Amino acid sequence: MRRRAGHPQDLELIEPNAENRYEVSEAALPLSCPMPGMYLWNSHPKVYLPIEATGQAKCPYCGAVYTLVRKREAGEGEAGEAA
């Protein structure tokens, strides 16, 4: 459901457990499932997931897999590229 912007209660929410894989940025840490911005009425209890060390985490309730997308450091290039 799309709602008008400008009213906090009118934000567009993400359907929880609708996908199996999510990419998250470092700005989303600490990571929890369901994530902020997801509907909560039809979801499982909130659980925090340790993703920082490995870059991936799987929710024990719904099986959603989260992948951490990290920003590249300055001067860091693709494999085989000269920096």
Protein backbone atom coordinates (compact mmCIF):
# COMPACT_ATOMS: atom_id res chain seq x y z
CA MET A 1 0.00 0.00 0.00
CA ARG A 2 1.46 3.35 -0.99
CA ARG A 3 0.66 6.32 1.22
CA ARG A 4 1.23 10.06 1.18
CA ALA A 5 4.68 11.26 2.17
CA GLY A 6 5.05 13.78 4.94
CA HIS A 7 3.07 12.03 7.68
CA PRO A 8 4.91 9.54 9.95
CA GLN A 9 1.94 7.16 9.91
CA ASP A 10 1.91 7.31 6.10
CA LEU A 11 5.36 5.79 5.52
CA GLU A 12 5.60 2.90 3.08
CA LEU A 13 6.44 -0.22 5.11
CA ILE A 14 8.28 -3.34 3.95
CA GLU A 15 6.43 -6.66 4.08
CA PRO A 16 8.36 -8.86 6.56
CA ASN A 17 9.40 -12.39 5.63
CA ALA A 18 8.35 -11.71 2.03
CA GLU A 19 11.85 -12.26 0.67
CA ASN A 20 14.48 -14.80 1.56
CA ARG A 21 17.53 -12.55 1.02
CA TYR A 22 18.23 -8.97 2.01
CA GLU A 23 21.28 -6.77 1.46
CA VAL A 24 21.95 -4.37 4.32
CA SER A 25 24.43 -1.53 4.71
CA GLU A 26 26.57 -0.69 7.71
CA ALA A 27 24.06 2.08 8.47
CA ALA A 28 21.51 -0.64 9.30
CA LEU A 29 23.63 -2.00 12.17
CA PRO A 30 22.89 -3.36 14.67
CA LEU A 31 20.87 -5.73 12.48
CA SER A 32 17.56 -7.08 13.70
CA CYS A 33 14.89 -9.22 12.10
CA PRO A 34 12.31 -8.00 11.44
CA MET A 35 14.10 -4.81 10.43
CA PRO A 36 12.81 -1.32 11.25
CA GLY A 37 10.37 -0.30 8.55
CA MET A 38 8.74 -3.75 8.31
CA TYR A 39 5.20 -4.50 9.32
CA LEU A 40 5.27 -6.20 12.70
CA TRP A 41 1.73 -7.52 13.14
CA ASN A 42 2.36 -10.66 11.09
CA SER A 43 5.97 -11.28 12.00
CA HIS A 44 8.04 -13.15 14.60
CA PRO A 45 9.64 -11.70 17.74
CA LYS A 46 12.52 -9.27 17.15
CA VAL A 47 15.94 -10.90 17.22
CA TYR A 48 19.34 -9.24 16.80
CA LEU A 49 21.64 -10.94 14.29
CA PRO A 50 25.46 -10.91 14.48
CA ILE A 51 26.53 -10.01 10.94
CA GLU A 52 29.62 -7.84 11.44
CA ALA A 53 32.23 -10.61 11.68
CA THR A 54 31.24 -12.78 8.72
CA GLY A 55 29.17 -10.42 6.56
CA GLN A 56 26.19 -12.82 6.58
CA ALA A 57 23.52 -13.82 9.07
CA LYS A 58 20.45 -16.04 8.97
CA CYS A 59 17.34 -15.41 11.05
CA PRO A 60 16.53 -18.43 13.24
CA TYR A 61 12.80 -17.67 13.06
CA CYS A 62 12.03 -17.04 9.38
CA GLY A 63 15.22 -18.17 7.64
CA ALA A 64 15.86 -14.80 5.97
CA VAL A 65 19.49 -14.42 4.92
CA TYR A 66 21.11 -11.01 5.34
CA THR A 67 24.28 -9.94 3.54
CA LEU A 68 26.30 -6.96 4.73
CA VAL A 69 27.31 -4.62 1.92
CA ARG A 70 30.36 -2.68 3.05
CA LYS A 71 31.60 0.57 1.55
CA ARG A 72 34.91 0.31 -0.25
CA GLU A 73 37.85 2.05 1.30
CA ALA A 74 39.41 4.94 -0.64
CA GLY A 75 41.90 3.59 -3.18
CA GLU A 76 40.44 0.08 -3.09
CA GLY A 77 39.60 -1.23 -6.56
CA GLU A 78 38.22 -4.33 -8.21
CA ALA A 79 40.39 -7.44 -8.30
CA GLY A 80 43.07 -6.96 -10.91
CA GLU A 81 42.69 -3.15 -11.04
CA ALA A 82 45.58 -0.90 -10.23
CA ALA A 83 44.74 1.50 -7.42
